[in-house]
PDB file of N, CA and C in Angstrom:
ATOM      1  N   UNK A   1      92.932 147.227 134.071  1.00  0.00           N
ATOM      2  CA  UNK A   1      92.542 146.238 135.055  1.00  0.00           C
ATOM      3  C   UNK A   1      93.510 146.292 136.236  1.00  0.00           C
ATOM      4  N   UNK A   2      93.048 145.785 137.347  1.00  0.00           N
ATOM      5  CA  UNK A   2      93.838 145.775 138.581  1.00  0.00           C
ATOM      6  C   UNK A   2      94.314 144.351 138.831  1.00  0.00           C
ATOM      7  N   UNK A   3      95.610 144.144 139.056  1.00  0.00           N
ATOM      8  CA  UNK A   3      96.089 142.786 139.332  1.00  0.00           C
ATOM      9  C   UNK A   3      95.597 142.305 140.703  1.00  0.00           C
ATOM     10  N   UNK A   4      95.223 141.039 140.772  1.00  0.00           N
ATOM     11  CA  UNK A   4      94.785 140.441 142.032  1.00  0.00           C
ATOM     12  C   UNK A   4      95.954 139.652 142.598  1.00  0.00           C
ATOM     13  N   UNK A   5      96.386 140.007 143.793  1.00  0.00           N
ATOM     14  CA  UNK A   5      97.516 139.325 144.422  1.00  0.00           C
ATOM     15  C   UNK A   5      97.041 138.012 145.032  1.00  0.00           C
ATOM     16  N   UNK A   6      97.830 136.975 144.878  1.00  0.00           N
ATOM     17  CA  UNK A   6      97.507 135.658 145.414  1.00  0.00           C
ATOM     18  C   UNK A   6      98.414 135.311 146.595  1.00  0.00           C
ATOM     19  N   UNK A   7      99.000 136.317 147.224  1.00  0.00           N
ATOM     20  CA  UNK A   7      99.933 136.083 148.316  1.00  0.00           C
ATOM     21  C   UNK A   7      99.178 135.794 149.608  1.00  0.00           C
ATOM     22  N   UNK A   8      99.799 135.010 150.482  1.00  0.00           N
ATOM     23  CA  UNK A   8      99.231 134.722 151.796  1.00  0.00           C
ATOM     24  C   UNK A   8     100.298 134.895 152.859  1.00  0.00           C
ATOM     25  N   UNK A   9      99.851 135.095 154.075  1.00  0.00           N
ATOM     26  CA  UNK A   9     100.734 135.129 155.216  1.00  0.00           C
ATOM     27  C   UNK A   9     101.342 136.500 155.442  1.00  0.00           C
ATOM     28  N   UNK A  10     101.849 136.749 156.601  1.00  0.00           N
ATOM     29  CA  UNK A  10     101.696 135.850 157.736  1.00  0.00           C
ATOM     30  C   UNK A  10     100.233 135.782 158.193  1.00  0.00           C
ATOM     31  N   UNK A  11      99.918 134.762 158.961  1.00  0.00           N
ATOM     32  CA  UNK A  11      98.563 134.558 159.456  1.00  0.00           C
ATOM     33  C   UNK A  11      98.507 134.889 160.942  1.00  0.00           C
ATOM     34  N   UNK A  12      97.604 135.766 161.339  1.00  0.00           N
ATOM     35  CA  UNK A  12      97.418 136.094 162.752  1.00  0.00           C
ATOM     36  C   UNK A  12      96.574 134.996 163.379  1.00  0.00           C
ATOM     37  N   UNK A  13      97.066 134.389 164.461  1.00  0.00           N
ATOM     38  CA  UNK A  13      96.382 133.249 165.060  1.00  0.00           C
ATOM     39  C   UNK A  13      95.916 133.478 166.495  1.00  0.00           C
ATOM     40  N   UNK A  14      96.232 134.615 167.092  1.00  0.00           N
ATOM     41  CA  UNK A  14      95.787 134.851 168.464  1.00  0.00           C
ATOM     42  C   UNK A  14      96.197 136.213 168.973  1.00  0.00           C
ATOM     43  N   UNK A  15      95.657 136.520 170.155  1.00  0.00           N
ATOM     44  CA  UNK A  15      96.020 137.778 170.804  1.00  0.00           C
ATOM     45  C   UNK A  15      96.860 137.489 172.043  1.00  0.00           C
ATOM     46  N   UNK A  16      97.169 138.520 172.790  1.00  0.00           N
ATOM     47  CA  UNK A  16      98.063 138.359 173.946  1.00  0.00           C
ATOM     48  C   UNK A  16      97.480 137.476 175.040  1.00  0.00           C
ATOM     49  N   UNK A  17      96.181 137.190 174.988  1.00  0.00           N
ATOM     50  CA  UNK A  17      95.534 136.362 176.003  1.00  0.00           C
ATOM     51  C   UNK A  17      95.325 134.923 175.536  1.00  0.00           C
ATOM     52  N   UNK A  18      95.840 134.570 174.355  1.00  0.00           N
ATOM     53  CA  UNK A  18      95.681 133.223 173.812  1.00  0.00           C
ATOM     54  C   UNK A  18      96.506 132.218 174.609  1.00  0.00           C
ATOM     55  N   UNK A  19      96.100 130.960 174.519  1.00  0.00           N
ATOM     56  CA  UNK A  19      96.769 129.866 175.220  1.00  0.00           C
ATOM     57  C   UNK A  19      98.203 129.714 174.698  1.00  0.00           C
ATOM     58  N   UNK A  20      99.204 129.953 175.546  1.00  0.00           N
ATOM     59  CA  UNK A  20     100.603 129.866 175.092  1.00  0.00           C
ATOM     60  C   UNK A  20     100.967 128.477 174.565  1.00  0.00           C
ATOM     61  N   UNK A  21     100.380 127.421 175.155  1.00  0.00           N
ATOM     62  CA  UNK A  21     100.679 126.061 174.692  1.00  0.00           C
ATOM     63  C   UNK A  21     100.170 125.849 173.268  1.00  0.00           C
ATOM     64  N   UNK A  22      98.949 126.298 172.993  1.00  0.00           N
ATOM     65  CA  UNK A  22      98.387 126.184 171.652  1.00  0.00           C
ATOM     66  C   UNK A  22      99.206 127.008 170.659  1.00  0.00           C
ATOM     67  N   UNK A  23      99.602 128.206 171.051  1.00  0.00           N
ATOM     68  CA  UNK A  23     100.410 129.045 170.162  1.00  0.00           C
ATOM     69  C   UNK A  23     101.746 128.366 169.859  1.00  0.00           C
ATOM     70  N   UNK A  24     102.301 127.666 170.842  1.00  0.00           N
ATOM     71  CA  UNK A  24     103.551 126.930 170.650  1.00  0.00           C
ATOM     72  C   UNK A  24     103.357 125.789 169.648  1.00  0.00           C
ATOM     73  N   UNK A  25     102.243 125.055 169.760  1.00  0.00           N
ATOM     74  CA  UNK A  25     101.940 123.967 168.833  1.00  0.00           C
ATOM     75  C   UNK A  25     101.834 124.499 167.402  1.00  0.00           C
ATOM     76  N   UNK A  26     101.232 125.670 167.254  1.00  0.00           N
ATOM     77  CA  UNK A  26     101.078 126.268 165.923  1.00  0.00           C
ATOM     78  C   UNK A  26     102.385 126.877 165.405  1.00  0.00           C
ATOM     79  N   UNK A  27     103.372 127.028 166.284  1.00  0.00           N
ATOM     80  CA  UNK A  27     104.641 127.638 165.886  1.00  0.00           C
ATOM     81  C   UNK A  27     104.550 129.149 165.790  1.00  0.00           C
ATOM     82  N   UNK A  28     103.641 129.732 166.570  1.00  0.00           N
ATOM     83  CA  UNK A  28     103.387 131.171 166.501  1.00  0.00           C
ATOM     84  C   UNK A  28     104.412 131.966 167.308  1.00  0.00           C
ATOM     85  N   UNK A  29     104.663 133.181 166.846  1.00  0.00           N
ATOM     86  CA  UNK A  29     105.512 134.109 167.581  1.00  0.00           C
ATOM     87  C   UNK A  29     104.682 135.335 167.962  1.00  0.00           C
ATOM     88  N   UNK A  30     104.980 135.878 169.128  1.00  0.00           N
ATOM     89  CA  UNK A  30     104.245 137.036 169.635  1.00  0.00           C
ATOM     90  C   UNK A  30     104.908 138.309 169.134  1.00  0.00           C
ATOM     91  N   UNK A  31     104.091 139.215 168.598  1.00  0.00           N
ATOM     92  CA  UNK A  31     104.605 140.498 168.080  1.00  0.00           C
ATOM     93  C   UNK A  31     103.744 141.640 168.584  1.00  0.00           C
ATOM     94  N   UNK A  32     104.372 142.798 168.650  1.00  0.00           N
ATOM     95  CA  UNK A  32     103.650 144.026 168.963  1.00  0.00           C
ATOM     96  C   UNK A  32     104.054 145.071 167.931  1.00  0.00           C
ATOM     97  N   UNK A  33     103.071 145.611 167.225  1.00  0.00           N
ATOM     98  CA  UNK A  33     103.348 146.635 166.219  1.00  0.00           C
ATOM     99  C   UNK A  33     103.630 147.972 166.907  1.00  0.00           C
ATOM    100  N   UNK A  34     104.508 148.742 166.305  1.00  0.00           N
ATOM    101  CA  UNK A  34     104.842 150.048 166.836  1.00  0.00           C
ATOM    102  C   UNK A  34     103.569 150.888 167.013  1.00  0.00           C
ATOM    103  N   UNK A  35     103.367 151.409 168.196  1.00  0.00           N
ATOM    104  CA  UNK A  35     102.200 152.242 168.479  1.00  0.00           C
ATOM    105  C   UNK A  35     101.049 151.480 169.112  1.00  0.00           C
ATOM    106  N   UNK A  36     101.084 150.135 169.056  1.00  0.00           N
ATOM    107  CA  UNK A  36     100.031 149.334 169.683  1.00  0.00           C
ATOM    108  C   UNK A  36     100.415 149.028 171.122  1.00  0.00           C
ATOM    109  N   UNK A  37      99.419 148.967 171.995  1.00  0.00           N
ATOM    110  CA  UNK A  37      99.691 148.604 173.387  1.00  0.00           C
ATOM    111  C   UNK A  37      99.232 147.172 173.659  1.00  0.00           C
ATOM    112  N   UNK A  38      99.233 146.326 172.621  1.00  0.00           N
ATOM    113  CA  UNK A  38      98.843 144.924 172.753  1.00  0.00           C
ATOM    114  C   UNK A  38      99.707 144.085 171.809  1.00  0.00           C
ATOM    115  N   UNK A  39      99.727 142.784 172.057  1.00  0.00           N
ATOM    116  CA  UNK A  39     100.497 141.852 171.236  1.00  0.00           C
ATOM    117  C   UNK A  39      99.554 140.917 170.484  1.00  0.00           C
ATOM    118  N   UNK A  40     100.061 140.354 169.393  1.00  0.00           N
ATOM    119  CA  UNK A  40      99.329 139.366 168.610  1.00  0.00           C
ATOM    120  C   UNK A  40     100.291 138.242 168.236  1.00  0.00           C
ATOM    121  N   UNK A  41      99.746 137.035 168.061  1.00  0.00           N
ATOM    122  CA  UNK A  41     100.540 135.889 167.638  1.00  0.00           C
ATOM    123  C   UNK A  41     100.386 135.686 166.140  1.00  0.00           C
ATOM    124  N   UNK A  42     101.506 135.435 165.458  1.00  0.00           N
ATOM    125  CA  UNK A  42     101.519 135.215 164.014  1.00  0.00           C
ATOM    126  C   UNK A  42     102.295 133.946 163.672  1.00  0.00           C
ATOM    127  N   UNK A  43     101.899 133.327 162.557  1.00  0.00           N
ATOM    128  CA  UNK A  43     102.667 132.225 161.968  1.00  0.00           C
ATOM    129  C   UNK A  43     102.917 132.572 160.505  1.00  0.00           C
ATOM    130  N   UNK A  44     103.925 131.958 159.907  1.00  0.00           N
ATOM    131  CA  UNK A  44     104.211 132.205 158.499  1.00  0.00           C
ATOM    132  C   UNK A  44     103.421 131.280 157.576  1.00  0.00           C
ATOM    133  N   UNK A  45     102.648 130.355 158.155  1.00  0.00           N
ATOM    134  CA  UNK A  45     101.843 129.424 157.361  1.00  0.00           C
ATOM    135  C   UNK A  45     100.646 130.122 156.738  1.00  0.00           C
ATOM    136  N   UNK A  46     100.181 129.550 155.636  1.00  0.00           N
ATOM    137  CA  UNK A  46      98.941 130.006 155.016  1.00  0.00           C
ATOM    138  C   UNK A  46      97.755 129.622 155.929  1.00  0.00           C
ATOM    139  N   UNK A  47      96.654 130.360 155.846  1.00  0.00           N
ATOM    140  CA  UNK A  47      95.497 130.036 156.687  1.00  0.00           C
ATOM    141  C   UNK A  47      95.033 128.587 156.568  1.00  0.00           C
ATOM    142  N   UNK A  48      95.050 128.004 155.375  1.00  0.00           N
ATOM    143  CA  UNK A  48      94.587 126.622 155.218  1.00  0.00           C
ATOM    144  C   UNK A  48      95.460 125.649 155.997  1.00  0.00           C
ATOM    145  N   UNK A  49      96.764 125.932 156.105  1.00  0.00           N
ATOM    146  CA  UNK A  49      97.670 125.082 156.880  1.00  0.00           C
ATOM    147  C   UNK A  49      97.339 125.200 158.368  1.00  0.00           C
ATOM    148  N   UNK A  50      97.089 126.411 158.834  1.00  0.00           N
ATOM    149  CA  UNK A  50      96.728 126.638 160.236  1.00  0.00           C
ATOM    150  C   UNK A  50      95.408 125.933 160.551  1.00  0.00           C
ATOM    151  N   UNK A  51      94.420 126.063 159.661  1.00  0.00           N
ATOM    152  CA  UNK A  51      93.129 125.415 159.879  1.00  0.00           C
ATOM    153  C   UNK A  51      93.274 123.897 159.919  1.00  0.00           C
ATOM    154  N   UNK A  52      94.132 123.328 159.088  1.00  0.00           N
ATOM    155  CA  UNK A  52      94.381 121.882 159.113  1.00  0.00           C
ATOM    156  C   UNK A  52      94.992 121.460 160.449  1.00  0.00           C
ATOM    157  N   UNK A  53      95.949 122.245 160.949  1.00  0.00           N
ATOM    158  CA  UNK A  53      96.569 121.935 162.243  1.00  0.00           C
ATOM    159  C   UNK A  53      95.529 121.989 163.353  1.00  0.00           C
ATOM    160  N   UNK A  54      94.686 123.024 163.344  1.00  0.00           N
ATOM    161  CA  UNK A  54      93.665 123.164 164.386  1.00  0.00           C
ATOM    162  C   UNK A  54      92.633 122.039 164.295  1.00  0.00           C
ATOM    163  N   UNK A  55      92.295 121.615 163.089  1.00  0.00           N
ATOM    164  CA  UNK A  55      91.351 120.501 162.932  1.00  0.00           C
ATOM    165  C   UNK A  55      91.926 119.228 163.545  1.00  0.00           C
ATOM    166  N   UNK A  56      93.224 118.992 163.358  1.00  0.00           N
ATOM    167  CA  UNK A  56      93.858 117.799 163.934  1.00  0.00           C
ATOM    168  C   UNK A  56      93.869 117.849 165.459  1.00  0.00           C
ATOM    169  N   UNK A  57      93.698 119.042 166.034  1.00  0.00           N
ATOM    170  CA  UNK A  57      93.651 119.209 167.486  1.00  0.00           C
ATOM    171  C   UNK A  57      92.218 119.212 168.018  1.00  0.00           C
ATOM    172  N   UNK A  58      91.230 118.985 167.129  1.00  0.00           N
ATOM    173  CA  UNK A  58      89.838 118.892 167.573  1.00  0.00           C
ATOM    174  C   UNK A  58      89.018 120.145 167.391  1.00  0.00           C
ATOM    175  N   UNK A  59      89.563 121.168 166.755  1.00  0.00           N
ATOM    176  CA  UNK A  59      88.814 122.400 166.514  1.00  0.00           C
ATOM    177  C   UNK A  59      88.008 122.273 165.226  1.00  0.00           C
ATOM    178  N   UNK A  60      86.831 122.904 165.212  1.00  0.00           N
ATOM    179  CA  UNK A  60      85.968 122.910 164.033  1.00  0.00           C
ATOM    180  C   UNK A  60      85.567 124.342 163.710  1.00  0.00           C
ATOM    181  N   UNK A  61      85.503 124.670 162.427  1.00  0.00           N
ATOM    182  CA  UNK A  61      85.071 126.002 161.998  1.00  0.00           C
ATOM    183  C   UNK A  61      83.582 126.151 162.256  1.00  0.00           C
ATOM    184  N   UNK A  62      83.213 127.218 162.973  1.00  0.00           N
ATOM    185  CA  UNK A  62      81.818 127.513 163.273  1.00  0.00           C
ATOM    186  C   UNK A  62      81.286 128.542 162.279  1.00  0.00           C
ATOM    187  N   UNK A  63      82.112 129.536 161.971  1.00  0.00           N
ATOM    188  CA  UNK A  63      81.692 130.567 161.022  1.00  0.00           C
ATOM    189  C   UNK A  63      82.924 131.227 160.417  1.00  0.00           C
ATOM    190  N   UNK A  64      82.681 131.946 159.313  1.00  0.00           N
ATOM    191  CA  UNK A  64      83.747 132.673 158.639  1.00  0.00           C
ATOM    192  C   UNK A  64      83.128 133.906 158.005  1.00  0.00           C
ATOM    193  N   UNK A  65      83.877 135.005 158.029  1.00  0.00           N
ATOM    194  CA  UNK A  65      83.402 136.235 157.405  1.00  0.00           C
ATOM    195  C   UNK A  65      84.590 137.000 156.848  1.00  0.00           C
ATOM    196  N   UNK A  66      84.323 137.920 155.980  1.00  0.00           N
ATOM    197  CA  UNK A  66      85.356 138.779 155.439  1.00  0.00           C
ATOM    198  C   UNK A  66      85.194 140.188 155.966  1.00  0.00           C
ATOM    199  N   UNK A  67      86.305 140.796 156.354  1.00  0.00           N
ATOM    200  CA  UNK A  67      86.320 142.176 156.833  1.00  0.00           C
ATOM    201  C   UNK A  67      87.351 142.909 155.984  1.00  0.00           C
ATOM    202  N   UNK A  68      86.891 143.638 154.989  1.00  0.00           N
ATOM    203  CA  UNK A  68      87.828 144.269 154.058  1.00  0.00           C
ATOM    204  C   UNK A  68      88.578 143.187 153.315  1.00  0.00           C
ATOM    205  N   UNK A  69      89.905 143.209 153.387  1.00  0.00           N
ATOM    206  CA  UNK A  69      90.715 142.180 152.747  1.00  0.00           C
ATOM    207  C   UNK A  69      91.164 141.114 153.733  1.00  0.00           C
ATOM    208  N   UNK A  70      90.539 141.095 154.909  1.00  0.00           N
ATOM    209  CA  UNK A  70      90.884 140.153 155.962  1.00  0.00           C
ATOM    210  C   UNK A  70      89.784 139.107 156.107  1.00  0.00           C
ATOM    211  N   UNK A  71      90.175 137.847 156.284  1.00  0.00           N
ATOM    212  CA  UNK A  71      89.220 136.784 156.570  1.00  0.00           C
ATOM    213  C   UNK A  71      89.314 136.428 158.040  1.00  0.00           C
ATOM    214  N   UNK A  72      88.157 136.187 158.670  1.00  0.00           N
ATOM    215  CA  UNK A  72      88.104 135.860 160.093  1.00  0.00           C
ATOM    216  C   UNK A  72      87.343 134.554 160.258  1.00  0.00           C
ATOM    217  N   UNK A  73      87.978 133.578 160.921  1.00  0.00           N
ATOM    218  CA  UNK A  73      87.331 132.309 161.210  1.00  0.00           C
ATOM    219  C   UNK A  73      87.065 132.217 162.702  1.00  0.00           C
ATOM    220  N   UNK A  74      85.906 131.674 163.061  1.00  0.00           N
ATOM    221  CA  UNK A  74      85.560 131.393 164.451  1.00  0.00           C
ATOM    222  C   UNK A  74      85.542 129.878 164.597  1.00  0.00           C
ATOM    223  N   UNK A  75      86.323 129.365 165.548  1.00  0.00           N
ATOM    224  CA  UNK A  75      86.426 127.922 165.746  1.00  0.00           C
ATOM    225  C   UNK A  75      85.973 127.539 167.138  1.00  0.00           C
ATOM    226  N   UNK A  76      85.602 126.260 167.286  1.00  0.00           N
ATOM    227  CA  UNK A  76      85.169 125.718 168.576  1.00  0.00           C
ATOM    228  C   UNK A  76      85.783 124.337 168.738  1.00  0.00           C
ATOM    229  N   UNK A  77      86.167 124.020 169.955  1.00  0.00           N
ATOM    230  CA  UNK A  77      86.702 122.677 170.252  1.00  0.00           C
ATOM    231  C   UNK A  77      85.756 121.995 171.214  1.00  0.00           C
ATOM    232  N   UNK A  78      85.359 120.779 170.860  1.00  0.00           N
ATOM    233  CA  UNK A  78      84.428 120.005 171.698  1.00  0.00           C
ATOM    234  C   UNK A  78      85.118 119.542 172.955  1.00  0.00           C
TER     235      UNK A  78
END
């Protein structure tokens, strides 16, 4: 049998064009992986913690899908 890992994080929360104020509220840091010509924002929180923070700011989950071992949420703020 293959062991299933229950580890989470870091959580990617935005790209280089994301709102810097929102990224600051989430406690995100901007990183660029070696070989990439773009940056991404990450937090050390689990996705459920990030989703709770975004919900408190008025964001709602519109859809969710899985891409390989990655989960992607689409949110909207009224």
